[in-house]
Amino acid sequence: MKNDIHPNYHTITVTMTDGSTFETRSTYGEEGTNLVLDIDANTHPAWTGGGQRLLDRGGRLSRFRDKFAGFVS
């Protein structure tokens, strides 16, 4: 294995959007760096499932429903 090719792996503090913090090991920054997140699992819709609406206005969803209207009752 080659020497001095790997990044420095050290402890950092991560601050979530709600203000909570935790320590983890990372190659980000330097030892003791504070990483402040703008988006995390507490607020992002991909994890919270919030706020998504299905708007179609005669597009693919309407064509699908028309095509398979009598398939399943």
PDB file of N, CA and C in Angstrom:
ATOM      1  N   MET A   1       0.837  -1.170   0.000  1.00  0.00           N
ATOM      2  CA  MET A   1       0.000   0.000   0.000  1.00  0.00           C
ATOM      3  C   MET A   1       0.888   1.241   0.000  1.00  0.00           C
ATOM      4  N   LYS A   2       0.505   2.230  -0.816  1.00  0.00           N
ATOM      5  CA  LYS A   2       1.292   3.452  -0.916  1.00  0.00           C
ATOM      6  C   LYS A   2       1.099   4.323   0.319  1.00  0.00           C
ATOM      7  N   ASN A   3       2.165   4.997   0.702  1.00  0.00           N
ATOM      8  CA  ASN A   3       2.103   5.919   1.834  1.00  0.00           C
ATOM      9  C   ASN A   3       1.614   7.295   1.383  1.00  0.00           C
ATOM     10  N   ASP A   4       0.939   7.999   2.278  1.00  0.00           N
ATOM     11  CA  ASP A   4       0.536   9.395   2.088  1.00  0.00           C
ATOM     12  C   ASP A   4      -0.396   9.639   0.905  1.00  0.00           C
ATOM     13  N   ILE A   5      -1.216   8.656   0.531  1.00  0.00           N
ATOM     14  CA  ILE A   5      -2.187   8.890  -0.531  1.00  0.00           C
ATOM     15  C   ILE A   5      -3.609   8.974   0.013  1.00  0.00           C
ATOM     16  N   HIS A   6      -3.812   8.608   1.261  1.00  0.00           N
ATOM     17  CA  HIS A   6      -5.146   8.598   1.845  1.00  0.00           C
ATOM     18  C   HIS A   6      -5.419   9.900   2.583  1.00  0.00           C
ATOM     19  N   PRO A   7      -6.665  10.401   2.516  1.00  0.00           N
ATOM     20  CA  PRO A   7      -6.978  11.646   3.226  1.00  0.00           C
ATOM     21  C   PRO A   7      -6.976  11.450   4.736  1.00  0.00           C
ATOM     22  N   ASN A   8      -6.829  12.537   5.456  1.00  0.00           N
ATOM     23  CA  ASN A   8      -6.834  12.506   6.911  1.00  0.00           C
ATOM     24  C   ASN A   8      -8.249  12.230   7.400  1.00  0.00           C
ATOM     25  N   TYR A   9      -8.433  11.175   8.164  1.00  0.00           N
ATOM     26  CA  TYR A   9      -9.724  10.754   8.690  1.00  0.00           C
ATOM     27  C   TYR A   9      -9.774  11.150  10.156  1.00  0.00           C
ATOM     28  N   HIS A  10     -10.698  12.064  10.522  1.00  0.00           N
ATOM     29  CA  HIS A  10     -10.697  12.650  11.853  1.00  0.00           C
ATOM     30  C   HIS A  10     -12.131  12.883  12.342  1.00  0.00           C
ATOM     31  N   THR A  11     -12.277  13.367  13.562  1.00  0.00           N
ATOM     32  CA  THR A  11     -13.582  13.603  14.167  1.00  0.00           C
ATOM     33  C   THR A  11     -14.060  15.021  13.871  1.00  0.00           C
ATOM     34  N   ILE A  12     -15.343  15.145  13.435  1.00  0.00           N
ATOM     35  CA  ILE A  12     -15.973  16.449  13.223  1.00  0.00           C
ATOM     36  C   ILE A  12     -17.313  16.461  13.942  1.00  0.00           C
ATOM     37  N   THR A  13     -17.888  17.647  14.107  1.00  0.00           N
ATOM     38  CA  THR A  13     -19.206  17.807  14.696  1.00  0.00           C
ATOM     39  C   THR A  13     -20.171  18.219  13.593  1.00  0.00           C
ATOM     40  N   VAL A  14     -21.316  17.540  13.515  1.00  0.00           N
ATOM     41  CA  VAL A  14     -22.335  17.851  12.518  1.00  0.00           C
ATOM     42  C   VAL A  14     -23.508  18.494  13.238  1.00  0.00           C
ATOM     43  N   THR A  15     -23.947  19.671  12.735  1.00  0.00           N
ATOM     44  CA  THR A  15     -25.094  20.374  13.300  1.00  0.00           C
ATOM     45  C   THR A  15     -26.262  20.245  12.329  1.00  0.00           C
ATOM     46  N   MET A  16     -27.355  19.647  12.812  1.00  0.00           N
ATOM     47  CA  MET A  16     -28.550  19.448  11.992  1.00  0.00           C
ATOM     48  C   MET A  16     -29.338  20.754  11.899  1.00  0.00           C
ATOM     49  N   THR A  17     -30.371  20.792  11.058  1.00  0.00           N
ATOM     50  CA  THR A  17     -31.157  22.014  10.874  1.00  0.00           C
ATOM     51  C   THR A  17     -31.941  22.398  12.122  1.00  0.00           C
ATOM     52  N   ASP A  18     -32.257  21.442  12.982  1.00  0.00           N
ATOM     53  CA  ASP A  18     -32.999  21.754  14.205  1.00  0.00           C
ATOM     54  C   ASP A  18     -32.073  22.162  15.354  1.00  0.00           C
ATOM     55  N   GLY A  19     -30.775  22.201  15.114  1.00  0.00           N
ATOM     56  CA  GLY A  19     -29.822  22.625  16.133  1.00  0.00           C
ATOM     57  C   GLY A  19     -29.157  21.484  16.886  1.00  0.00           C
ATOM     58  N   SER A  20     -29.651  20.259  16.724  1.00  0.00           N
ATOM     59  CA  SER A  20     -29.018  19.125  17.395  1.00  0.00           C
ATOM     60  C   SER A  20     -27.672  18.826  16.745  1.00  0.00           C
ATOM     61  N   THR A  21     -26.757  18.260  17.518  1.00  0.00           N
ATOM     62  CA  THR A  21     -25.422  17.968  17.017  1.00  0.00           C
ATOM     63  C   THR A  21     -25.029  16.532  17.337  1.00  0.00           C
ATOM     64  N   PHE A  22     -24.096  16.026  16.562  1.00  0.00           N
ATOM     65  CA  PHE A  22     -23.488  14.732  16.847  1.00  0.00           C
ATOM     66  C   PHE A  22     -22.084  14.723  16.278  1.00  0.00           C
ATOM     67  N   GLU A  23     -21.258  13.853  16.821  1.00  0.00           N
ATOM     68  CA  GLU A  23     -19.876  13.724  16.346  1.00  0.00           C
ATOM     69  C   GLU A  23     -19.759  12.490  15.472  1.00  0.00           C
ATOM     70  N   THR A  24     -18.967  12.623  14.421  1.00  0.00           N
ATOM     71  CA  THR A  24     -18.715  11.508  13.523  1.00  0.00           C
ATOM     72  C   THR A  24     -17.300  11.645  12.977  1.00  0.00           C
ATOM     73  N   ARG A  25     -16.838  10.611  12.312  1.00  0.00           N
ATOM     74  CA  ARG A  25     -15.515  10.655  11.697  1.00  0.00           C
ATOM     75  C   ARG A  25     -15.689  10.912  10.210  1.00  0.00           C
ATOM     76  N   SER A  26     -14.827  11.774   9.649  1.00  0.00           N
ATOM     77  CA  SER A  26     -14.968  12.176   8.263  1.00  0.00           C
ATOM     78  C   SER A  26     -13.633  12.666   7.713  1.00  0.00           C
ATOM     79  N   THR A  27     -13.589  12.849   6.400  1.00  0.00           N
ATOM     80  CA  THR A  27     -12.431  13.471   5.760  1.00  0.00           C
ATOM     81  C   THR A  27     -12.706  14.947   5.494  1.00  0.00           C
ATOM     82  N   TYR A  28     -13.887  15.438   5.874  1.00  0.00           N
ATOM     83  CA  TYR A  28     -14.272  16.836   5.676  1.00  0.00           C
ATOM     84  C   TYR A  28     -13.482  17.746   6.622  1.00  0.00           C
ATOM     85  N   GLY A  29     -12.940  18.821   6.101  1.00  0.00           N
ATOM     86  CA  GLY A  29     -12.272  19.829   6.922  1.00  0.00           C
ATOM     87  C   GLY A  29     -11.092  19.292   7.703  1.00  0.00           C
ATOM     88  N   GLU A  30     -10.949  19.824   8.914  1.00  0.00           N
ATOM     89  CA  GLU A  30      -9.871  19.425   9.801  1.00  0.00           C
ATOM     90  C   GLU A  30     -10.460  18.911  11.106  1.00  0.00           C
ATOM     91  N   GLU A  31      -9.629  18.410  11.967  1.00  0.00           N
ATOM     92  CA  GLU A  31     -10.059  17.907  13.279  1.00  0.00           C
ATOM     93  C   GLU A  31     -10.840  18.990  14.013  1.00  0.00           C
ATOM     94  N   GLY A  32     -12.044  18.654  14.500  1.00  0.00           N
ATOM     95  CA  GLY A  32     -12.857  19.590  15.267  1.00  0.00           C
ATOM     96  C   GLY A  32     -13.723  20.520  14.438  1.00  0.00           C
ATOM     97  N   THR A  33     -13.725  20.379  13.112  1.00  0.00           N
ATOM     98  CA  THR A  33     -14.537  21.227  12.247  1.00  0.00           C
ATOM     99  C   THR A  33     -16.019  21.003  12.524  1.00  0.00           C
ATOM    100  N   ASN A  34     -16.826  22.065  12.407  1.00  0.00           N
ATOM    101  CA  ASN A  34     -18.274  21.969  12.578  1.00  0.00           C
ATOM    102  C   ASN A  34     -18.935  22.053  11.208  1.00  0.00           C
ATOM    103  N   LEU A  35     -19.631  21.008  10.795  1.00  0.00           N
ATOM    104  CA  LEU A  35     -20.348  20.964   9.525  1.00  0.00           C
ATOM    105  C   LEU A  35     -21.808  21.278   9.801  1.00  0.00           C
ATOM    106  N   VAL A  36     -22.300  22.399   9.274  1.00  0.00           N
ATOM    107  CA  VAL A  36     -23.683  22.818   9.479  1.00  0.00           C
ATOM    108  C   VAL A  36     -24.480  22.432   8.243  1.00  0.00           C
ATOM    109  N   LEU A  37     -25.522  21.617   8.437  1.00  0.00           N
ATOM    110  CA  LEU A  37     -26.326  21.146   7.320  1.00  0.00           C
ATOM    111  C   LEU A  37     -27.450  22.121   7.004  1.00  0.00           C
ATOM    112  N   ASP A  38     -27.680  22.390   5.711  1.00  0.00           N
ATOM    113  CA  ASP A  38     -28.811  23.202   5.272  1.00  0.00           C
ATOM    114  C   ASP A  38     -30.044  22.331   5.092  1.00  0.00           C
ATOM    115  N   ILE A  39     -29.837  21.096   4.650  1.00  0.00           N
ATOM    116  CA  ILE A  39     -30.918  20.133   4.423  1.00  0.00           C
ATOM    117  C   ILE A  39     -30.515  18.833   5.086  1.00  0.00           C
ATOM    118  N   ASP A  40     -31.423  18.237   5.836  1.00  0.00           N
ATOM    119  CA  ASP A  40     -31.139  16.940   6.436  1.00  0.00           C
ATOM    120  C   ASP A  40     -32.408  16.092   6.453  1.00  0.00           C
ATOM    121  N   ALA A  41     -32.315  14.919   7.009  1.00  0.00           N
ATOM    122  CA  ALA A  41     -33.433  13.973   7.007  1.00  0.00           C
ATOM    123  C   ALA A  41     -34.619  14.465   7.822  1.00  0.00           C
ATOM    124  N   ASN A  42     -34.427  15.446   8.692  1.00  0.00           N
ATOM    125  CA  ASN A  42     -35.541  15.981   9.483  1.00  0.00           C
ATOM    126  C   ASN A  42     -36.406  16.948   8.690  1.00  0.00           C
ATOM    127  N   THR A  43     -35.867  17.527   7.612  1.00  0.00           N
ATOM    128  CA  THR A  43     -36.602  18.562   6.891  1.00  0.00           C
ATOM    129  C   THR A  43     -36.829  18.263   5.416  1.00  0.00           C
ATOM    130  N   HIS A  44     -36.050  17.417   4.806  1.00  0.00           N
ATOM    131  CA  HIS A  44     -36.149  17.201   3.365  1.00  0.00           C
ATOM    132  C   HIS A  44     -37.340  16.309   3.015  1.00  0.00           C
ATOM    133  N   PRO A  45     -38.150  16.686   2.010  1.00  0.00           N
ATOM    134  CA  PRO A  45     -39.334  15.913   1.651  1.00  0.00           C
ATOM    135  C   PRO A  45     -39.040  14.479   1.211  1.00  0.00           C
ATOM    136  N   ALA A  46     -37.840  14.209   0.746  1.00  0.00           N
ATOM    137  CA  ALA A  46     -37.516  12.837   0.340  1.00  0.00           C
ATOM    138  C   ALA A  46     -37.592  11.884   1.527  1.00  0.00           C
ATOM    139  N   TRP A  47     -37.294  12.361   2.731  1.00  0.00           N
ATOM    140  CA  TRP A  47     -37.354  11.526   3.926  1.00  0.00           C
ATOM    141  C   TRP A  47     -38.632  11.732   4.734  1.00  0.00           C
ATOM    142  N   THR A  48     -39.200  12.945   4.679  1.00  0.00           N
ATOM    143  CA  THR A  48     -40.388  13.217   5.479  1.00  0.00           C
ATOM    144  C   THR A  48     -41.669  12.887   4.738  1.00  0.00           C
ATOM    145  N   GLY A  49     -41.610  12.806   3.393  1.00  0.00           N
ATOM    146  CA  GLY A  49     -42.790  12.496   2.596  1.00  0.00           C
ATOM    147  C   GLY A  49     -43.784  13.631   2.545  1.00  0.00           C
ATOM    148  N   GLY A  50     -43.343  14.825   2.784  1.00  0.00           N
ATOM    149  CA  GLY A  50     -44.275  15.938   2.891  1.00  0.00           C
ATOM    150  C   GLY A  50     -44.469  16.723   1.611  1.00  0.00           C
ATOM    151  N   GLY A  51     -45.666  17.213   1.464  1.00  0.00           N
ATOM    152  CA  GLY A  51     -45.961  18.239   0.490  1.00  0.00           C
ATOM    153  C   GLY A  51     -45.967  17.873  -0.971  1.00  0.00           C
ATOM    154  N   GLN A  52     -45.969  16.639  -1.332  1.00  0.00           N
ATOM    155  CA  GLN A  52     -45.953  16.311  -2.747  1.00  0.00           C
ATOM    156  C   GLN A  52     -47.370  16.141  -3.262  1.00  0.00           C
ATOM    157  N   ARG A  53     -47.677  16.818  -4.374  1.00  0.00           N
ATOM    158  CA  ARG A  53     -48.981  16.706  -5.004  1.00  0.00           C
ATOM    159  C   ARG A  53     -48.804  16.174  -6.405  1.00  0.00           C
ATOM    160  N   LEU A  54     -49.828  15.493  -6.880  1.00  0.00           N
ATOM    161  CA  LEU A  54     -49.787  14.954  -8.226  1.00  0.00           C
ATOM    162  C   LEU A  54     -50.731  15.766  -9.097  1.00  0.00           C
ATOM    163  N   LEU A  55     -50.162  16.637  -9.927  1.00  0.00           N
ATOM    164  CA  LEU A  55     -50.943  17.456 -10.845  1.00  0.00           C
ATOM    165  C   LEU A  55     -50.748  16.905 -12.247  1.00  0.00           C
ATOM    166  N   ASP A  56     -51.850  16.702 -12.956  1.00  0.00           N
ATOM    167  CA  ASP A  56     -51.710  16.068 -14.254  1.00  0.00           C
ATOM    168  C   ASP A  56     -52.262  16.910 -15.396  1.00  0.00           C
ATOM    169  N   ARG A  57     -53.501  17.357 -15.331  1.00  0.00           N
ATOM    170  CA  ARG A  57     -54.153  18.171 -16.353  1.00  0.00           C
ATOM    171  C   ARG A  57     -54.159  17.510 -17.721  1.00  0.00           C
ATOM    172  N   GLY A  58     -54.625  16.272 -17.789  1.00  0.00           N
ATOM    173  CA  GLY A  58     -54.789  15.599 -19.067  1.00  0.00           C
ATOM    174  C   GLY A  58     -53.534  15.001 -19.641  1.00  0.00           C
ATOM    175  N   GLY A  59     -52.562  14.704 -18.827  1.00  0.00           N
ATOM    176  CA  GLY A  59     -51.300  14.156 -19.312  1.00  0.00           C
ATOM    177  C   GLY A  59     -51.223  12.655 -19.168  1.00  0.00           C
ATOM    178  N   ARG A  60     -50.075  12.160 -18.752  1.00  0.00           N
ATOM    179  CA  ARG A  60     -49.820  10.725 -18.680  1.00  0.00           C
ATOM    180  C   ARG A  60     -50.733  10.003 -17.709  1.00  0.00           C
ATOM    181  N   LEU A  61     -50.997  10.604 -16.562  1.00  0.00           N
ATOM    182  CA  LEU A  61     -51.835   9.942 -15.566  1.00  0.00           C
ATOM    183  C   LEU A  61     -53.259   9.755 -16.077  1.00  0.00           C
ATOM    184  N   SER A  62     -53.805  10.765 -16.728  1.00  0.00           N
ATOM    185  CA  SER A  62     -55.156  10.653 -17.275  1.00  0.00           C
ATOM    186  C   SER A  62     -55.216   9.596 -18.370  1.00  0.00           C
ATOM    187  N   ARG A  63     -54.231   9.558 -19.242  1.00  0.00           N
ATOM    188  CA  ARG A  63     -54.212   8.539 -20.305  1.00  0.00           C
ATOM    189  C   ARG A  63     -54.108   7.139 -19.711  1.00  0.00           C
ATOM    190  N   PHE A  64     -53.296   6.980 -18.656  1.00  0.00           N
ATOM    191  CA  PHE A  64     -53.161   5.678 -18.001  1.00  0.00           C
ATOM    192  C   PHE A  64     -54.496   5.252 -17.388  1.00  0.00           C
ATOM    193  N   ARG A  65     -55.139   6.157 -16.682  1.00  0.00           N
ATOM    194  CA  ARG A  65     -56.423   5.831 -16.057  1.00  0.00           C
ATOM    195  C   ARG A  65     -57.476   5.489 -17.105  1.00  0.00           C
ATOM    196  N   ASP A  66     -57.496   6.212 -18.233  1.00  0.00           N
ATOM    197  CA  ASP A  66     -58.449   5.907 -19.300  1.00  0.00           C
ATOM    198  C   ASP A  66     -58.170   4.543 -19.916  1.00  0.00           C
ATOM    199  N   LYS A  67     -56.917   4.233 -20.131  1.00  0.00           N
ATOM    200  CA  LYS A  67     -56.534   2.972 -20.774  1.00  0.00           C
ATOM    201  C   LYS A  67     -56.892   1.770 -19.907  1.00  0.00           C
ATOM    202  N   PHE A  68     -56.690   1.872 -18.592  1.00  0.00           N
ATOM    203  CA  PHE A  68     -56.919   0.744 -17.700  1.00  0.00           C
ATOM    204  C   PHE A  68     -58.130   0.943 -16.794  1.00  0.00           C
ATOM    205  N   ALA A  69     -59.116   1.716 -17.245  1.00  0.00           N
ATOM    206  CA  ALA A  69     -60.288   2.029 -16.431  1.00  0.00           C
ATOM    207  C   ALA A  69     -61.070   0.786 -16.032  1.00  0.00           C
ATOM    208  N   GLY A  70     -61.276  -0.153 -16.941  1.00  0.00           N
ATOM    209  CA  GLY A  70     -62.083  -1.342 -16.628  1.00  0.00           C
ATOM    210  C   GLY A  70     -61.280  -2.541 -16.208  1.00  0.00           C
ATOM    211  N   PHE A  71     -59.966  -2.388 -16.050  1.00  0.00           N
ATOM    212  CA  PHE A  71     -59.101  -3.526 -15.744  1.00  0.00           C
ATOM    213  C   PHE A  71     -59.320  -4.073 -14.352  1.00  0.00           C
ATOM    214  N   VAL A  72     -59.340  -3.194 -13.346  1.00  0.00           N
ATOM    215  CA  VAL A  72     -59.527  -3.598 -11.948  1.00  0.00           C
ATOM    216  C   VAL A  72     -60.693  -2.802 -11.377  1.00  0.00           C
ATOM    217  N   SER A  73     -61.607  -3.526 -10.713  1.00  0.00           N
ATOM    218  CA  SER A  73     -62.740  -2.806 -10.140  1.00  0.00           C
ATOM    219  C   SER A  73     -62.549  -2.489  -8.701  1.00  0.00           C
TER     220      SER A  73
END
